[in-house]
């Protein structure tokens, strides 16, 4: 028996909207702009499939280090390793 069940294993709650949030997400979230060096929280928007990061990184906080097309490069610390994710703005929230 293989030990892996695919990349979307254990994502039932991470990739599902709450009943009041169902439907399309607000358009201003998809066109949000972030400055380099700004801290952002990673939270997957289940309504938007493109530009999504691996669900393993859901809940992390990272720093915007650049832009690539309409997406942002976000650098996070994954247990002592620096990783760069390419994420569309629909899945990012600015840190207050």
PDB file of N, CA and C in Angstrom:
ATOM      1  N   UNK A   1       0.839  -1.180   0.000  1.00  0.00           N
ATOM      2  CA  UNK A   1       0.000   0.000   0.000  1.00  0.00           C
ATOM      3  C   UNK A   1       0.883   1.242   0.000  1.00  0.00           C
ATOM      4  N   UNK A   2       0.659   2.185  -0.926  1.00  0.00           N
ATOM      5  CA  UNK A   2       1.488   3.394  -0.942  1.00  0.00           C
ATOM      6  C   UNK A   2       1.165   4.291   0.253  1.00  0.00           C
ATOM      7  N   UNK A   3       2.183   5.016   0.720  1.00  0.00           N
ATOM      8  CA  UNK A   3       1.994   5.872   1.884  1.00  0.00           C
ATOM      9  C   UNK A   3       1.381   7.219   1.519  1.00  0.00           C
ATOM     10  N   UNK A   4       1.393   7.595   0.243  1.00  0.00           N
ATOM     11  CA  UNK A   4       0.869   8.891  -0.177  1.00  0.00           C
ATOM     12  C   UNK A   4      -0.504   8.729  -0.811  1.00  0.00           C
ATOM     13  N   UNK A   5      -1.339   9.714  -0.620  1.00  0.00           N
ATOM     14  CA  UNK A   5      -2.649   9.720  -1.264  1.00  0.00           C
ATOM     15  C   UNK A   5      -2.795  10.916  -2.189  1.00  0.00           C
ATOM     16  N   UNK A   6      -1.693  11.436  -2.688  1.00  0.00           N
ATOM     17  CA  UNK A   6      -1.735  12.533  -3.633  1.00  0.00           C
ATOM     18  C   UNK A   6      -1.510  13.883  -2.975  1.00  0.00           C
ATOM     19  N   UNK A   7      -1.327  14.914  -3.797  1.00  0.00           N
ATOM     20  CA  UNK A   7      -1.010  16.246  -3.270  1.00  0.00           C
ATOM     21  C   UNK A   7      -2.171  16.923  -2.551  1.00  0.00           C
ATOM     22  N   UNK A   8      -3.406  16.487  -2.787  1.00  0.00           N
ATOM     23  CA  UNK A   8      -4.551  17.120  -2.136  1.00  0.00           C
ATOM     24  C   UNK A   8      -5.042  16.309  -0.941  1.00  0.00           C
ATOM     25  N   UNK A   9      -4.193  15.452  -0.390  1.00  0.00           N
ATOM     26  CA  UNK A   9      -4.543  14.654   0.776  1.00  0.00           C
ATOM     27  C   UNK A   9      -4.776  15.559   1.990  1.00  0.00           C
ATOM     28  N   UNK A  10      -5.797  15.272   2.763  1.00  0.00           N
ATOM     29  CA  UNK A  10      -6.141  16.008   3.990  1.00  0.00           C
ATOM     30  C   UNK A  10      -6.446  17.478   3.729  1.00  0.00           C
ATOM     31  N   UNK A  11      -7.146  17.789   2.647  1.00  0.00           N
ATOM     32  CA  UNK A  11      -7.459  19.187   2.343  1.00  0.00           C
ATOM     33  C   UNK A  11      -8.964  19.434   2.312  1.00  0.00           C
ATOM     34  N   UNK A  12      -9.729  18.571   2.924  1.00  0.00           N
ATOM     35  CA  UNK A  12     -11.185  18.704   2.850  1.00  0.00           C
ATOM     36  C   UNK A  12     -11.662  20.055   3.384  1.00  0.00           C
ATOM     37  N   UNK A  13     -11.099  20.523   4.489  1.00  0.00           N
ATOM     38  CA  UNK A  13     -11.524  21.807   5.052  1.00  0.00           C
ATOM     39  C   UNK A  13     -10.784  22.979   4.426  1.00  0.00           C
ATOM     40  N   UNK A  14      -9.519  22.769   4.053  1.00  0.00           N
ATOM     41  CA  UNK A  14      -8.731  23.865   3.475  1.00  0.00           C
ATOM     42  C   UNK A  14      -9.276  24.311   2.127  1.00  0.00           C
ATOM     43  N   UNK A  15      -9.803  23.369   1.339  1.00  0.00           N
ATOM     44  CA  UNK A  15     -10.254  23.678  -0.012  1.00  0.00           C
ATOM     45  C   UNK A  15     -11.776  23.713  -0.131  1.00  0.00           C
ATOM     46  N   UNK A  16     -12.465  24.000   0.969  1.00  0.00           N
ATOM     47  CA  UNK A  16     -13.931  24.105   0.937  1.00  0.00           C
ATOM     48  C   UNK A  16     -14.352  25.428   1.547  1.00  0.00           C
ATOM     49  N   UNK A  17     -15.303  26.090   0.909  1.00  0.00           N
ATOM     50  CA  UNK A  17     -15.850  27.328   1.442  1.00  0.00           C
ATOM     51  C   UNK A  17     -16.862  27.020   2.543  1.00  0.00           C
ATOM     52  N   UNK A  18     -16.997  27.936   3.483  1.00  0.00           N
ATOM     53  CA  UNK A  18     -18.063  27.865   4.457  1.00  0.00           C
ATOM     54  C   UNK A  18     -19.366  28.205   3.716  1.00  0.00           C
ATOM     55  N   UNK A  19     -20.520  27.751   4.188  1.00  0.00           N
ATOM     56  CA  UNK A  19     -21.779  27.977   3.456  1.00  0.00           C
ATOM     57  C   UNK A  19     -22.057  29.441   3.120  1.00  0.00           C
ATOM     58  N   UNK A  20     -21.723  30.386   3.986  1.00  0.00           N
ATOM     59  CA  UNK A  20     -21.995  31.803   3.717  1.00  0.00           C
ATOM     60  C   UNK A  20     -21.001  32.412   2.739  1.00  0.00           C
ATOM     61  N   UNK A  21     -19.911  31.731   2.465  1.00  0.00           N
ATOM     62  CA  UNK A  21     -18.884  32.266   1.566  1.00  0.00           C
ATOM     63  C   UNK A  21     -18.947  31.636   0.179  1.00  0.00           C
ATOM     64  N   UNK A  22     -19.949  30.809  -0.067  1.00  0.00           N
ATOM     65  CA  UNK A  22     -20.026  30.112  -1.352  1.00  0.00           C
ATOM     66  C   UNK A  22     -20.257  31.084  -2.504  1.00  0.00           C
ATOM     67  N   UNK A  23     -19.890  30.646  -3.706  1.00  0.00           N
ATOM     68  CA  UNK A  23     -20.053  31.486  -4.886  1.00  0.00           C
ATOM     69  C   UNK A  23     -18.742  32.157  -5.252  1.00  0.00           C
ATOM     70  N   UNK A  24     -18.797  33.139  -6.115  1.00  0.00           N
ATOM     71  CA  UNK A  24     -17.588  33.819  -6.540  1.00  0.00           C
ATOM     72  C   UNK A  24     -17.078  34.741  -5.444  1.00  0.00           C
ATOM     73  N   UNK A  25     -15.772  34.862  -5.357  1.00  0.00           N
ATOM     74  CA  UNK A  25     -15.179  35.730  -4.341  1.00  0.00           C
ATOM     75  C   UNK A  25     -15.183  37.177  -4.830  1.00  0.00           C
ATOM     76  N   UNK A  26     -15.021  38.144  -3.939  1.00  0.00           N
ATOM     77  CA  UNK A  26     -15.058  39.561  -4.335  1.00  0.00           C
ATOM     78  C   UNK A  26     -13.941  39.899  -5.325  1.00  0.00           C
ATOM     79  N   UNK A  27     -14.240  40.672  -6.363  1.00  0.00           N
ATOM     80  CA  UNK A  27     -13.223  40.973  -7.379  1.00  0.00           C
ATOM     81  C   UNK A  27     -12.072  41.821  -6.859  1.00  0.00           C
ATOM     82  N   UNK A  28     -12.303  42.656  -5.834  1.00  0.00           N
ATOM     83  CA  UNK A  28     -11.206  43.491  -5.331  1.00  0.00           C
ATOM     84  C   UNK A  28     -10.114  42.640  -4.695  1.00  0.00           C
ATOM     85  N   UNK A  29     -10.442  41.445  -4.252  1.00  0.00           N
ATOM     86  CA  UNK A  29      -9.436  40.556  -3.679  1.00  0.00           C
ATOM     87  C   UNK A  29      -8.506  40.022  -4.765  1.00  0.00           C
ATOM     88  N   UNK A  30      -9.029  39.835  -5.976  1.00  0.00           N
ATOM     89  CA  UNK A  30      -8.237  39.278  -7.072  1.00  0.00           C
ATOM     90  C   UNK A  30      -7.310  40.309  -7.714  1.00  0.00           C
ATOM     91  N   UNK A  31      -7.566  41.595  -7.497  1.00  0.00           N
ATOM     92  CA  UNK A  31      -6.733  42.639  -8.101  1.00  0.00           C
ATOM     93  C   UNK A  31      -5.945  43.417  -7.055  1.00  0.00           C
ATOM     94  N   UNK A  32      -5.855  42.887  -5.848  1.00  0.00           N
ATOM     95  CA  UNK A  32      -5.140  43.572  -4.768  1.00  0.00           C
ATOM     96  C   UNK A  32      -3.666  43.713  -5.112  1.00  0.00           C
ATOM     97  N   UNK A  33      -3.054  44.796  -4.675  1.00  0.00           N
ATOM     98  CA  UNK A  33      -1.629  45.050  -4.910  1.00  0.00           C
ATOM     99  C   UNK A  33      -0.882  45.016  -3.586  1.00  0.00           C
ATOM    100  N   UNK A  34       0.318  44.468  -3.630  1.00  0.00           N
ATOM    101  CA  UNK A  34       1.168  44.384  -2.453  1.00  0.00           C
ATOM    102  C   UNK A  34       2.544  44.940  -2.806  1.00  0.00           C
ATOM    103  N   UNK A  35       3.175  45.616  -1.857  1.00  0.00           N
ATOM    104  CA  UNK A  35       4.500  46.190  -2.070  1.00  0.00           C
ATOM    105  C   UNK A  35       5.569  45.171  -1.709  1.00  0.00           C
ATOM    106  N   UNK A  36       6.755  45.348  -2.296  1.00  0.00           N
ATOM    107  CA  UNK A  36       7.873  44.478  -1.928  1.00  0.00           C
ATOM    108  C   UNK A  36       8.227  44.710  -0.474  1.00  0.00           C
ATOM    109  N   UNK A  37       8.494  43.636   0.242  1.00  0.00           N
ATOM    110  CA  UNK A  37       8.829  43.717   1.649  1.00  0.00           C
ATOM    111  C   UNK A  37       7.619  43.665   2.566  1.00  0.00           C
ATOM    112  N   UNK A  38       6.416  43.688   1.995  1.00  0.00           N
ATOM    113  CA  UNK A  38       5.198  43.647   2.796  1.00  0.00           C
ATOM    114  C   UNK A  38       4.934  42.224   3.270  1.00  0.00           C
ATOM    115  N   UNK A  39       4.467  42.093   4.516  1.00  0.00           N
ATOM    116  CA  UNK A  39       4.129  40.785   5.078  1.00  0.00           C
ATOM    117  C   UNK A  39       2.709  40.417   4.653  1.00  0.00           C
ATOM    118  N   UNK A  40       2.535  39.173   4.233  1.00  0.00           N
ATOM    119  CA  UNK A  40       1.218  38.690   3.809  1.00  0.00           C
ATOM    120  C   UNK A  40       0.952  37.316   4.418  1.00  0.00           C
ATOM    121  N   UNK A  41      -0.333  37.035   4.634  1.00  0.00           N
ATOM    122  CA  UNK A  41      -0.761  35.730   5.120  1.00  0.00           C
ATOM    123  C   UNK A  41      -1.225  34.911   3.922  1.00  0.00           C
ATOM    124  N   UNK A  42      -0.899  33.633   3.907  1.00  0.00           N
ATOM    125  CA  UNK A  42      -1.311  32.734   2.840  1.00  0.00           C
ATOM    126  C   UNK A  42      -2.599  32.022   3.252  1.00  0.00           C
ATOM    127  N   UNK A  43      -3.666  32.245   2.497  1.00  0.00           N
ATOM    128  CA  UNK A  43      -4.927  31.567   2.752  1.00  0.00           C
ATOM    129  C   UNK A  43      -5.558  31.246   1.409  1.00  0.00           C
ATOM    130  N   UNK A  44      -5.755  29.972   1.137  1.00  0.00           N
ATOM    131  CA  UNK A  44      -6.305  29.556  -0.150  1.00  0.00           C
ATOM    132  C   UNK A  44      -7.764  29.983  -0.260  1.00  0.00           C
ATOM    133  N   UNK A  45      -8.104  30.606  -1.391  1.00  0.00           N
ATOM    134  CA  UNK A  45      -9.496  30.914  -1.716  1.00  0.00           C
ATOM    135  C   UNK A  45     -10.002  29.760  -2.583  1.00  0.00           C
ATOM    136  N   UNK A  46     -10.873  28.903  -2.049  1.00  0.00           N
ATOM    137  CA  UNK A  46     -11.305  27.724  -2.808  1.00  0.00           C
ATOM    138  C   UNK A  46     -12.054  28.054  -4.087  1.00  0.00           C
ATOM    139  N   UNK A  47     -12.605  29.273  -4.203  1.00  0.00           N
ATOM    140  CA  UNK A  47     -13.350  29.652  -5.407  1.00  0.00           C
ATOM    141  C   UNK A  47     -12.428  29.938  -6.580  1.00  0.00           C
ATOM    142  N   UNK A  48     -11.138  30.201  -6.305  1.00  0.00           N
ATOM    143  CA  UNK A  48     -10.179  30.536  -7.359  1.00  0.00           C
ATOM    144  C   UNK A  48      -9.167  29.403  -7.458  1.00  0.00           C
ATOM    145  N   UNK A  49      -9.145  28.731  -8.608  1.00  0.00           N
ATOM    146  CA  UNK A  49      -8.282  27.560  -8.747  1.00  0.00           C
ATOM    147  C   UNK A  49      -6.879  27.925  -9.220  1.00  0.00           C
ATOM    148  N   UNK A  50      -6.755  28.957 -10.035  1.00  0.00           N
ATOM    149  CA  UNK A  50      -5.438  29.276 -10.589  1.00  0.00           C
ATOM    150  C   UNK A  50      -4.620  30.132  -9.635  1.00  0.00           C
ATOM    151  N   UNK A  51      -3.315  29.979  -9.705  1.00  0.00           N
ATOM    152  CA  UNK A  51      -2.416  30.766  -8.880  1.00  0.00           C
ATOM    153  C   UNK A  51      -2.404  30.330  -7.426  1.00  0.00           C
ATOM    154  N   UNK A  52      -2.779  29.096  -7.196  1.00  0.00           N
ATOM    155  CA  UNK A  52      -2.869  28.576  -5.840  1.00  0.00           C
ATOM    156  C   UNK A  52      -1.549  27.923  -5.456  1.00  0.00           C
ATOM    157  N   UNK A  53      -1.199  27.970  -4.196  1.00  0.00           N
ATOM    158  CA  UNK A  53       0.014  27.330  -3.709  1.00  0.00           C
ATOM    159  C   UNK A  53      -0.348  25.959  -3.146  1.00  0.00           C
ATOM    160  N   UNK A  54       0.646  25.173  -2.783  1.00  0.00           N
ATOM    161  CA  UNK A  54       0.392  23.850  -2.222  1.00  0.00           C
ATOM    162  C   UNK A  54      -0.289  24.010  -0.864  1.00  0.00           C
ATOM    163  N   UNK A  55      -1.336  23.239  -0.594  1.00  0.00           N
ATOM    164  CA  UNK A  55      -2.079  23.392   0.654  1.00  0.00           C
ATOM    165  C   UNK A  55      -1.231  23.196   1.917  1.00  0.00           C
ATOM    166  N   UNK A  56      -0.076  22.586   1.787  1.00  0.00           N
ATOM    167  CA  UNK A  56       0.831  22.403   2.926  1.00  0.00           C
ATOM    168  C   UNK A  56       1.234  23.749   3.535  1.00  0.00           C
ATOM    169  N   UNK A  57       1.277  24.803   2.713  1.00  0.00           N
ATOM    170  CA  UNK A  57       1.730  26.106   3.184  1.00  0.00           C
ATOM    171  C   UNK A  57       0.584  26.999   3.650  1.00  0.00           C
ATOM    172  N   UNK A  58      -0.620  26.476   3.709  1.00  0.00           N
ATOM    173  CA  UNK A  58      -1.770  27.260   4.138  1.00  0.00           C
ATOM    174  C   UNK A  58      -1.586  27.691   5.589  1.00  0.00           C
ATOM    175  N   UNK A  59      -1.808  28.976   5.855  1.00  0.00           N
ATOM    176  CA  UNK A  59      -1.660  29.508   7.202  1.00  0.00           C
ATOM    177  C   UNK A  59      -0.311  30.145   7.467  1.00  0.00           C
ATOM    178  N   UNK A  60       0.651  29.989   6.550  1.00  0.00           N
ATOM    179  CA  UNK A  60       1.965  30.590   6.734  1.00  0.00           C
ATOM    180  C   UNK A  60       1.907  32.097   6.491  1.00  0.00           C
ATOM    181  N   UNK A  61       2.884  32.804   7.014  1.00  0.00           N
ATOM    182  CA  UNK A  61       3.055  34.227   6.757  1.00  0.00           C
ATOM    183  C   UNK A  61       4.389  34.407   6.051  1.00  0.00           C
ATOM    184  N   UNK A  62       4.395  35.181   4.978  1.00  0.00           N
ATOM    185  CA  UNK A  62       5.615  35.383   4.209  1.00  0.00           C
ATOM    186  C   UNK A  62       5.812  36.840   3.843  1.00  0.00           C
ATOM    187  N   UNK A  63       6.889  37.084   3.100  1.00  0.00           N
ATOM    188  CA  UNK A  63       7.242  38.428   2.659  1.00  0.00           C
ATOM    189  C   UNK A  63       7.201  38.476   1.139  1.00  0.00           C
ATOM    190  N   UNK A  64       6.572  39.513   0.588  1.00  0.00           N
ATOM    191  CA  UNK A  64       6.541  39.685  -0.863  1.00  0.00           C
ATOM    192  C   UNK A  64       7.933  40.131  -1.319  1.00  0.00           C
ATOM    193  N   UNK A  65       8.525  39.376  -2.256  1.00  0.00           N
ATOM    194  CA  UNK A  65       9.867  39.701  -2.733  1.00  0.00           C
ATOM    195  C   UNK A  65       9.876  40.151  -4.186  1.00  0.00           C
ATOM    196  N   UNK A  66       8.741  40.095  -4.853  1.00  0.00           N
ATOM    197  CA  UNK A  66       8.697  40.531  -6.240  1.00  0.00           C
ATOM    198  C   UNK A  66       7.373  40.171  -6.885  1.00  0.00           C
ATOM    199  N   UNK A  67       7.309  40.455  -8.179  1.00  0.00           N
ATOM    200  CA  UNK A  67       6.104  40.185  -8.942  1.00  0.00           C
ATOM    201  C   UNK A  67       6.483  39.364 -10.168  1.00  0.00           C
ATOM    202  N   UNK A  68       5.603  38.468 -10.572  1.00  0.00           N
ATOM    203  CA  UNK A  68       5.818  37.669 -11.771  1.00  0.00           C
ATOM    204  C   UNK A  68       4.494  37.613 -12.518  1.00  0.00           C
ATOM    205  N   UNK A  69       4.378  38.429 -13.548  1.00  0.00           N
ATOM    206  CA  UNK A  69       3.112  38.564 -14.245  1.00  0.00           C
ATOM    207  C   UNK A  69       2.111  39.236 -13.329  1.00  0.00           C
ATOM    208  N   UNK A  70       0.943  38.603 -13.159  1.00  0.00           N
ATOM    209  CA  UNK A  70      -0.053  39.137 -12.232  1.00  0.00           C
ATOM    210  C   UNK A  70       0.069  38.524 -10.844  1.00  0.00           C
ATOM    211  N   UNK A  71       1.002  37.586 -10.684  1.00  0.00           N
ATOM    212  CA  UNK A  71       1.194  36.918  -9.397  1.00  0.00           C
ATOM    213  C   UNK A  71       2.337  37.560  -8.618  1.00  0.00           C
ATOM    214  N   UNK A  72       2.431  37.200  -7.352  1.00  0.00           N
ATOM    215  CA  UNK A  72       3.482  37.716  -6.485  1.00  0.00           C
ATOM    216  C   UNK A  72       4.386  36.586  -6.029  1.00  0.00           C
ATOM    217  N   UNK A  73       5.666  36.896  -5.885  1.00  0.00           N
ATOM    218  CA  UNK A  73       6.620  35.948  -5.320  1.00  0.00           C
ATOM    219  C   UNK A  73       6.649  36.193  -3.819  1.00  0.00           C
ATOM    220  N   UNK A  74       6.337  35.160  -3.053  1.00  0.00           N
ATOM    221  CA  UNK A  74       6.284  35.269  -1.600  1.00  0.00           C
ATOM    222  C   UNK A  74       7.317  34.315  -1.017  1.00  0.00           C
ATOM    223  N   UNK A  75       8.177  34.865  -0.174  1.00  0.00           N
ATOM    224  CA  UNK A  75       9.213  34.041   0.453  1.00  0.00           C
ATOM    225  C   UNK A  75       8.758  33.671   1.855  1.00  0.00           C
ATOM    226  N   UNK A  76       8.788  32.348   2.139  1.00  0.00           N
ATOM    227  CA  UNK A  76       8.374  31.852   3.450  1.00  0.00           C
ATOM    228  C   UNK A  76       9.495  31.030   4.063  1.00  0.00           C
ATOM    229  N   UNK A  77       9.387  30.812   5.352  1.00  0.00           N
ATOM    230  CA  UNK A  77      10.328  29.951   6.063  1.00  0.00           C
ATOM    231  C   UNK A  77       9.601  28.647   6.361  1.00  0.00           C
ATOM    232  N   UNK A  78      10.042  27.560   5.727  1.00  0.00           N
ATOM    233  CA  UNK A  78       9.423  26.255   5.917  1.00  0.00           C
ATOM    234  C   UNK A  78      10.345  25.387   6.758  1.00  0.00           C
ATOM    235  N   UNK A  79      10.188  25.487   8.060  1.00  0.00           N
ATOM    236  CA  UNK A  79      10.992  24.712   9.009  1.00  0.00           C
ATOM    237  C   UNK A  79      12.487  24.886   8.786  1.00  0.00           C
ATOM    238  N   UNK A  80      12.919  26.140   8.679  1.00  0.00           N
ATOM    239  CA  UNK A  80      14.344  26.433   8.541  1.00  0.00           C
ATOM    240  C   UNK A  80      14.828  26.556   7.106  1.00  0.00           C
ATOM    241  N   UNK A  81      13.978  26.289   6.124  1.00  0.00           N
ATOM    242  CA  UNK A  81      14.363  26.435   4.717  1.00  0.00           C
ATOM    243  C   UNK A  81      13.589  27.603   4.116  1.00  0.00           C
ATOM    244  N   UNK A  82      14.291  28.453   3.394  1.00  0.00           N
ATOM    245  CA  UNK A  82      13.638  29.560   2.697  1.00  0.00           C
ATOM    246  C   UNK A  82      13.046  29.022   1.391  1.00  0.00           C
ATOM    247  N   UNK A  83      11.757  29.280   1.159  1.00  0.00           N
ATOM    248  CA  UNK A  83      11.099  28.847  -0.069  1.00  0.00           C
ATOM    249  C   UNK A  83      10.377  30.030  -0.685  1.00  0.00           C
ATOM    250  N   UNK A  84      10.342  30.057  -2.009  1.00  0.00           N
ATOM    251  CA  UNK A  84       9.652  31.112  -2.738  1.00  0.00           C
ATOM    252  C   UNK A  84       8.443  30.520  -3.441  1.00  0.00           C
ATOM    253  N   UNK A  85       7.275  31.058  -3.149  1.00  0.00           N
ATOM    254  CA  UNK A  85       6.030  30.610  -3.765  1.00  0.00           C
ATOM    255  C   UNK A  85       5.552  31.676  -4.742  1.00  0.00           C
ATOM    256  N   UNK A  86       4.912  31.247  -5.807  1.00  0.00           N
ATOM    257  CA  UNK A  86       4.316  32.168  -6.770  1.00  0.00           C
ATOM    258  C   UNK A  86       2.807  32.069  -6.588  1.00  0.00           C
ATOM    259  N   UNK A  87       2.206  33.164  -6.099  1.00  0.00           N
ATOM    260  CA  UNK A  87       0.817  33.134  -5.656  1.00  0.00           C
ATOM    261  C   UNK A  87       0.054  34.304  -6.252  1.00  0.00           C
ATOM    262  N   UNK A  88      -1.166  34.030  -6.740  1.00  0.00           N
ATOM    263  CA  UNK A  88      -2.040  35.104  -7.204  1.00  0.00           C
ATOM    264  C   UNK A  88      -2.616  35.836  -5.991  1.00  0.00           C
ATOM    265  N   UNK A  89      -2.965  37.124  -6.140  1.00  0.00           N
ATOM    266  CA  UNK A  89      -3.394  37.933  -4.987  1.00  0.00           C
ATOM    267  C   UNK A  89      -4.692  37.446  -4.330  1.00  0.00           C
ATOM    268  N   UNK A  90      -5.495  36.622  -5.003  1.00  0.00           N
ATOM    269  CA  UNK A  90      -6.726  36.129  -4.395  1.00  0.00           C
ATOM    270  C   UNK A  90      -6.442  35.269  -3.166  1.00  0.00           C
ATOM    271  N   UNK A  91      -5.236  34.715  -3.077  1.00  0.00           N
ATOM    272  CA  UNK A  91      -4.879  33.823  -1.970  1.00  0.00           C
ATOM    273  C   UNK A  91      -4.005  34.500  -0.931  1.00  0.00           C
ATOM    274  N   UNK A  92      -3.874  35.826  -1.015  1.00  0.00           N
ATOM    275  CA  UNK A  92      -3.028  36.573  -0.075  1.00  0.00           C
ATOM    276  C   UNK A  92      -3.878  37.562   0.714  1.00  0.00           C
ATOM    277  N   UNK A  93      -3.501  37.742   1.984  1.00  0.00           N
ATOM    278  CA  UNK A  93      -4.125  38.756   2.837  1.00  0.00           C
ATOM    279  C   UNK A  93      -3.014  39.586   3.449  1.00  0.00           C
ATOM    280  N   UNK A  94      -3.146  40.885   3.437  1.00  0.00           N
ATOM    281  CA  UNK A  94      -2.123  41.754   4.006  1.00  0.00           C
ATOM    282  C   UNK A  94      -2.117  41.631   5.528  1.00  0.00           C
ATOM    283  N   UNK A  95      -0.916  41.625   6.101  1.00  0.00           N
ATOM    284  CA  UNK A  95      -0.818  41.584   7.555  1.00  0.00           C
ATOM    285  C   UNK A  95      -1.090  42.983   8.097  1.00  0.00           C
ATOM    286  N   UNK A  96      -1.899  43.068   9.112  1.00  0.00           N
ATOM    287  CA  UNK A  96      -2.271  44.371   9.678  1.00  0.00           C
ATOM    288  C   UNK A  96      -1.133  44.926  10.496  1.00  0.00           C
TER     289      UNK A  96
END
